[in-house]
Amino acid sequence: MSPRRAFTALITVAAAVVLAGCSPTVSMTPAAEFSNDPECAAATVRMPDALSSYALRQTDAQATAAWGEPTVVLSYCGVPVPEVSDLPCVEINGIFWLREDVPAGLAFTTYGRDPAFRVIIDVPEDVADAAVAPGVVLDELSVPVSYTSENGRTCVDVEDTVTGR
């Protein structure tokens, strides 16, 4: 084998090894409101390396995170802080989350936190077939999200708002 062919083969093998170890960056758009808030940075750097069995991936936008290949969970910090809402609300580890159905599955936005987080979970119509359970995701994200400030708002049960009984 000529030295030139050997060099070309060596470069080709080296490039293949380097590229094989890299998963592509997830292209995301940062939250338009407050993705540059220092509390978003404090929370984002504490994101878990995995959610269930899905590895954390590199993203190209500030205050974002993504897990799985293909992605099953996307997280954005700095989204608009929700006002009063009639969306269903759940509390997990002291964090309130508003739940809504979106085309990609389910979206959960923190309630009572400023800045706010939005987490989108790829959940099929038949939740039993979900790759990752929403409760597990929100539980595992509760520690990093706790680095954002509480704003005094909490979810209330409908029964708490009924008067005159």
C-alpha atoms as a PDB file:
ATOM      1  CA  MET A   1       0.000   0.000   0.000  1.00  0.00           C
ATOM      2  CA  SER A   2       1.367   3.410  -0.958  1.00  0.00           C
ATOM      3  CA  PRO A   3       2.022   5.965   1.818  1.00  0.00           C
ATOM      4  CA  ARG A   4      -0.662   8.215   0.331  1.00  0.00           C
ATOM      5  CA  ARG A   5      -3.296   5.451   0.421  1.00  0.00           C
ATOM      6  CA  ALA A   6      -2.260   4.475   3.952  1.00  0.00           C
ATOM      7  CA  PHE A   7      -2.600   8.110   5.092  1.00  0.00           C
ATOM      8  CA  THR A   8      -6.027   8.421   3.426  1.00  0.00           C
ATOM      9  CA  ALA A   9      -7.187   5.181   5.052  1.00  0.00           C
ATOM     10  CA  LEU A  10      -5.901   6.350   8.447  1.00  0.00           C
ATOM     11  CA  ILE A  11      -7.742   9.707   8.149  1.00  0.00           C
ATOM     12  CA  THR A  12     -10.946   7.926   7.067  1.00  0.00           C
ATOM     13  CA  VAL A  13     -10.808   5.527  10.029  1.00  0.00           C
ATOM     14  CA  ALA A  14     -10.038   8.351  12.469  1.00  0.00           C
ATOM     15  CA  ALA A  15     -12.963  10.418  11.172  1.00  0.00           C
ATOM     16  CA  ALA A  16     -15.309   7.438  11.452  1.00  0.00           C
ATOM     17  CA  VAL A  17     -14.233   6.808  15.054  1.00  0.00           C
ATOM     18  CA  VAL A  18     -14.723  10.455  16.019  1.00  0.00           C
ATOM     19  CA  LEU A  19     -18.122  10.710  14.322  1.00  0.00           C
ATOM     20  CA  ALA A  20     -19.380   7.409  15.702  1.00  0.00           C
ATOM     21  CA  GLY A  21     -19.062   8.692  19.261  1.00  0.00           C
ATOM     22  CA  CYS A  22     -21.044  11.871  18.618  1.00  0.00           C
ATOM     23  CA  SER A  23     -24.800  12.138  18.665  1.00  0.00           C
ATOM     24  CA  PRO A  24     -26.108  15.108  16.741  1.00  0.00           C
ATOM     25  CA  THR A  25     -26.962  18.289  18.586  1.00  0.00           C
ATOM     26  CA  VAL A  26     -30.674  18.826  19.162  1.00  0.00           C
ATOM     27  CA  SER A  27     -31.711  22.050  17.445  1.00  0.00           C
ATOM     28  CA  MET A  28     -33.988  24.054  19.736  1.00  0.00           C
ATOM     29  CA  THR A  29     -35.169  27.643  20.058  1.00  0.00           C
ATOM     30  CA  PRO A  30     -34.679  29.333  23.439  1.00  0.00           C
ATOM     31  CA  ALA A  31     -37.685  30.674  25.298  1.00  0.00           C
ATOM     32  CA  ALA A  32     -38.299  34.202  24.040  1.00  0.00           C
ATOM     33  CA  GLU A  33     -39.066  35.696  27.439  1.00  0.00           C
ATOM     34  CA  PHE A  34     -36.330  35.069  29.988  1.00  0.00           C
ATOM     35  CA  SER A  35     -33.992  32.291  28.870  1.00  0.00           C
ATOM     36  CA  ASN A  36     -31.072  34.500  29.920  1.00  0.00           C
ATOM     37  CA  ASP A  37     -32.297  34.686  33.544  1.00  0.00           C
ATOM     38  CA  PRO A  38     -29.493  33.583  35.918  1.00  0.00           C
ATOM     39  CA  GLU A  39     -31.912  31.207  37.649  1.00  0.00           C
ATOM     40  CA  CYS A  40     -32.433  29.421  34.311  1.00  0.00           C
ATOM     41  CA  ALA A  41     -28.681  28.933  34.120  1.00  0.00           C
ATOM     42  CA  ALA A  42     -28.573  27.612  37.700  1.00  0.00           C
ATOM     43  CA  ALA A  43     -31.348  25.136  36.925  1.00  0.00           C
ATOM     44  CA  THR A  44     -30.145  24.093  33.478  1.00  0.00           C
ATOM     45  CA  VAL A  45     -26.641  23.129  34.631  1.00  0.00           C
ATOM     46  CA  ARG A  46     -28.245  20.800  37.169  1.00  0.00           C
ATOM     47  CA  MET A  47     -30.293  18.832  34.645  1.00  0.00           C
ATOM     48  CA  PRO A  48     -29.938  15.072  35.153  1.00  0.00           C
ATOM     49  CA  ASP A  49     -27.641  13.134  32.838  1.00  0.00           C
ATOM     50  CA  ALA A  50     -30.562  10.781  32.159  1.00  0.00           C
ATOM     51  CA  LEU A  51     -34.341  10.675  32.503  1.00  0.00           C
ATOM     52  CA  SER A  52     -35.389   7.073  32.976  1.00  0.00           C
ATOM     53  CA  SER A  53     -33.019   5.401  30.525  1.00  0.00           C
ATOM     54  CA  TYR A  54     -32.784   8.360  28.111  1.00  0.00           C
ATOM     55  CA  ALA A  55     -29.464  10.202  27.989  1.00  0.00           C
ATOM     56  CA  LEU A  56     -29.162  13.976  28.141  1.00  0.00           C
ATOM     57  CA  ARG A  57     -28.205  15.394  24.742  1.00  0.00           C
ATOM     58  CA  GLN A  58     -26.402  18.516  23.602  1.00  0.00           C
ATOM     59  CA  THR A  59     -28.690  21.380  22.517  1.00  0.00           C
ATOM     60  CA  ASP A  60     -27.921  24.545  20.579  1.00  0.00           C
ATOM     61  CA  ALA A  61     -30.091  26.977  22.564  1.00  0.00           C
ATOM     62  CA  GLN A  62     -29.672  28.683  25.906  1.00  0.00           C
ATOM     63  CA  ALA A  63     -31.605  27.296  28.909  1.00  0.00           C
ATOM     64  CA  THR A  64     -32.807  24.183  27.078  1.00  0.00           C
ATOM     65  CA  ALA A  65     -32.310  20.450  27.545  1.00  0.00           C
ATOM     66  CA  ALA A  66     -33.265  17.320  25.619  1.00  0.00           C
ATOM     67  CA  TRP A  67     -33.220  13.612  26.385  1.00  0.00           C
ATOM     68  CA  GLY A  68     -33.359  10.526  24.184  1.00  0.00           C
ATOM     69  CA  GLU A  69     -32.406   9.684  20.628  1.00  0.00           C
ATOM     70  CA  PRO A  70     -34.798  10.393  19.064  1.00  0.00           C
ATOM     71  CA  THR A  71     -35.794  12.958  21.656  1.00  0.00           C
ATOM     72  CA  VAL A  72     -38.583  12.035  24.058  1.00  0.00           C
ATOM     73  CA  VAL A  73     -38.331  15.019  26.440  1.00  0.00           C
ATOM     74  CA  LEU A  74     -37.602  18.701  25.754  1.00  0.00           C
ATOM     75  CA  SER A  75     -37.164  21.339  28.453  1.00  0.00           C
ATOM     76  CA  TYR A  76     -37.221  25.139  28.148  1.00  0.00           C
ATOM     77  CA  CYS A  77     -36.538  27.630  30.937  1.00  0.00           C
ATOM     78  CA  GLY A  78     -37.667  31.258  30.734  1.00  0.00           C
ATOM     79  CA  VAL A  79     -41.104  30.736  29.202  1.00  0.00           C
ATOM     80  CA  PRO A  80     -43.866  33.201  30.164  1.00  0.00           C
ATOM     81  CA  VAL A  81     -44.927  32.808  33.789  1.00  0.00           C
ATOM     82  CA  PRO A  82     -48.513  31.486  33.792  1.00  0.00           C
ATOM     83  CA  GLU A  83     -51.247  33.576  35.321  1.00  0.00           C
ATOM     84  CA  VAL A  84     -54.429  32.080  36.726  1.00  0.00           C
ATOM     85  CA  SER A  85     -55.276  29.002  34.681  1.00  0.00           C
ATOM     86  CA  ASP A  86     -58.020  26.447  34.345  1.00  0.00           C
ATOM     87  CA  LEU A  87     -55.548  23.787  33.154  1.00  0.00           C
ATOM     88  CA  PRO A  88     -55.211  20.695  35.335  1.00  0.00           C
ATOM     89  CA  CYS A  89     -52.473  21.109  37.915  1.00  0.00           C
ATOM     90  CA  VAL A  90     -50.315  18.513  39.648  1.00  0.00           C
ATOM     91  CA  GLU A  91     -47.836  18.897  42.483  1.00  0.00           C
ATOM     92  CA  ILE A  92     -44.692  16.799  42.443  1.00  0.00           C
ATOM     93  CA  ASN A  93     -42.042  17.295  45.126  1.00  0.00           C
ATOM     94  CA  GLY A  94     -43.352  20.766  45.968  1.00  0.00           C
ATOM     95  CA  ILE A  95     -43.390  21.954  42.343  1.00  0.00           C
ATOM     96  CA  PHE A  96     -46.728  22.781  40.714  1.00  0.00           C
ATOM     97  CA  TRP A  97     -47.127  21.895  37.027  1.00  0.00           C
ATOM     98  CA  LEU A  98     -49.926  22.893  34.653  1.00  0.00           C
ATOM     99  CA  ARG A  99     -50.708  20.082  32.206  1.00  0.00           C
ATOM    100  CA  GLU A 100     -51.921  20.476  28.643  1.00  0.00           C
ATOM    101  CA  ASP A 101     -52.231  18.298  25.576  1.00  0.00           C
ATOM    102  CA  VAL A 102     -50.069  19.412  22.656  1.00  0.00           C
ATOM    103  CA  PRO A 103     -49.490  17.834  19.224  1.00  0.00           C
ATOM    104  CA  ALA A 104     -46.179  16.337  20.421  1.00  0.00           C
ATOM    105  CA  GLY A 105     -47.772  14.708  23.488  1.00  0.00           C
ATOM    106  CA  LEU A 106     -48.033  16.446  26.844  1.00  0.00           C
ATOM    107  CA  ALA A 107     -46.661  19.799  27.971  1.00  0.00           C
ATOM    108  CA  PHE A 108     -46.132  20.754  31.597  1.00  0.00           C
ATOM    109  CA  THR A 109     -45.413  24.347  32.649  1.00  0.00           C
ATOM    110  CA  THR A 110     -44.372  25.259  36.153  1.00  0.00           C
ATOM    111  CA  TYR A 111     -46.900  27.272  38.124  1.00  0.00           C
ATOM    112  CA  GLY A 112     -45.737  29.422  41.012  1.00  0.00           C
ATOM    113  CA  ARG A 113     -42.162  29.689  39.699  1.00  0.00           C
ATOM    114  CA  ASP A 114     -40.402  32.662  38.148  1.00  0.00           C
ATOM    115  CA  PRO A 115     -38.785  32.066  35.698  1.00  0.00           C
ATOM    116  CA  ALA A 116     -41.062  29.312  34.445  1.00  0.00           C
ATOM    117  CA  PHE A 117     -40.121  25.969  32.894  1.00  0.00           C
ATOM    118  CA  ARG A 118     -41.964  24.166  30.105  1.00  0.00           C
ATOM    119  CA  VAL A 119     -41.374  20.453  29.572  1.00  0.00           C
ATOM    120  CA  ILE A 120     -42.703  18.632  26.526  1.00  0.00           C
ATOM    121  CA  ILE A 121     -42.956  14.863  26.741  1.00  0.00           C
ATOM    122  CA  ASP A 122     -43.525  12.678  23.697  1.00  0.00           C
ATOM    123  CA  VAL A 123     -46.494  10.639  24.887  1.00  0.00           C
ATOM    124  CA  PRO A 124     -48.546   8.655  22.358  1.00  0.00           C
ATOM    125  CA  GLU A 125     -52.345   8.651  22.501  1.00  0.00           C
ATOM    126  CA  ASP A 126     -52.203   5.326  24.299  1.00  0.00           C
ATOM    127  CA  VAL A 127     -50.282   6.454  27.402  1.00  0.00           C
ATOM    128  CA  ALA A 128     -49.578   2.814  28.258  1.00  0.00           C
ATOM    129  CA  ASP A 129     -47.193   2.780  25.276  1.00  0.00           C
ATOM    130  CA  ALA A 130     -45.317   5.889  26.499  1.00  0.00           C
ATOM    131  CA  ALA A 131     -41.549   5.642  26.301  1.00  0.00           C
ATOM    132  CA  VAL A 132     -41.214   7.643  29.505  1.00  0.00           C
ATOM    133  CA  ALA A 133     -43.837   8.290  32.181  1.00  0.00           C
ATOM    134  CA  PRO A 134     -44.663  11.984  32.756  1.00  0.00           C
ATOM    135  CA  GLY A 135     -44.655  11.530  36.548  1.00  0.00           C
ATOM    136  CA  VAL A 136     -41.136  10.083  36.427  1.00  0.00           C
ATOM    137  CA  VAL A 137     -39.904  12.966  34.247  1.00  0.00           C
ATOM    138  CA  LEU A 138     -41.368  15.653  36.516  1.00  0.00           C
ATOM    139  CA  ASP A 139     -40.037  13.887  39.606  1.00  0.00           C
ATOM    140  CA  GLU A 140     -36.528  13.716  38.154  1.00  0.00           C
ATOM    141  CA  LEU A 141     -36.660  17.389  37.086  1.00  0.00           C
ATOM    142  CA  SER A 142     -37.878  18.661  40.455  1.00  0.00           C
ATOM    143  CA  VAL A 143     -34.386  19.258  41.862  1.00  0.00           C
ATOM    144  CA  PRO A 144     -33.081  21.447  39.023  1.00  0.00           C
ATOM    145  CA  VAL A 145     -36.409  23.289  38.715  1.00  0.00           C
ATOM    146  CA  SER A 146     -36.286  24.038  42.452  1.00  0.00           C
ATOM    147  CA  TYR A 147     -33.417  26.443  41.664  1.00  0.00           C
ATOM    148  CA  THR A 148     -36.006  28.876  40.272  1.00  0.00           C
ATOM    149  CA  SER A 149     -37.785  31.195  42.704  1.00  0.00           C
ATOM    150  CA  GLU A 150     -41.261  30.603  44.040  1.00  0.00           C
ATOM    151  CA  ASN A 151     -43.585  33.531  43.261  1.00  0.00           C
ATOM    152  CA  GLY A 152     -46.254  32.800  45.860  1.00  0.00           C
ATOM    153  CA  ARG A 153     -48.810  31.221  43.528  1.00  0.00           C
ATOM    154  CA  THR A 154     -50.043  27.721  44.212  1.00  0.00           C
ATOM    155  CA  CYS A 155     -52.578  25.481  42.580  1.00  0.00           C
ATOM    156  CA  VAL A 156     -55.859  25.132  44.411  1.00  0.00           C
ATOM    157  CA  ASP A 157     -58.394  22.378  44.281  1.00  0.00           C
ATOM    158  CA  VAL A 158     -61.758  23.312  42.772  1.00  0.00           C
ATOM    159  CA  GLU A 159     -63.347  22.423  46.113  1.00  0.00           C
ATOM    160  CA  ASP A 160     -61.193  25.109  47.794  1.00  0.00           C
ATOM    161  CA  THR A 161     -62.767  27.793  45.626  1.00  0.00           C
ATOM    162  CA  VAL A 162     -66.395  26.856  46.294  1.00  0.00           C
ATOM    163  CA  THR A 163     -67.984  29.197  48.875  1.00  0.00           C
ATOM    164  CA  GLY A 164     -71.264  29.157  50.731  1.00  0.00           C
ATOM    165  CA  ARG A 165     -71.336  25.446  51.544  1.00  0.00           C
END
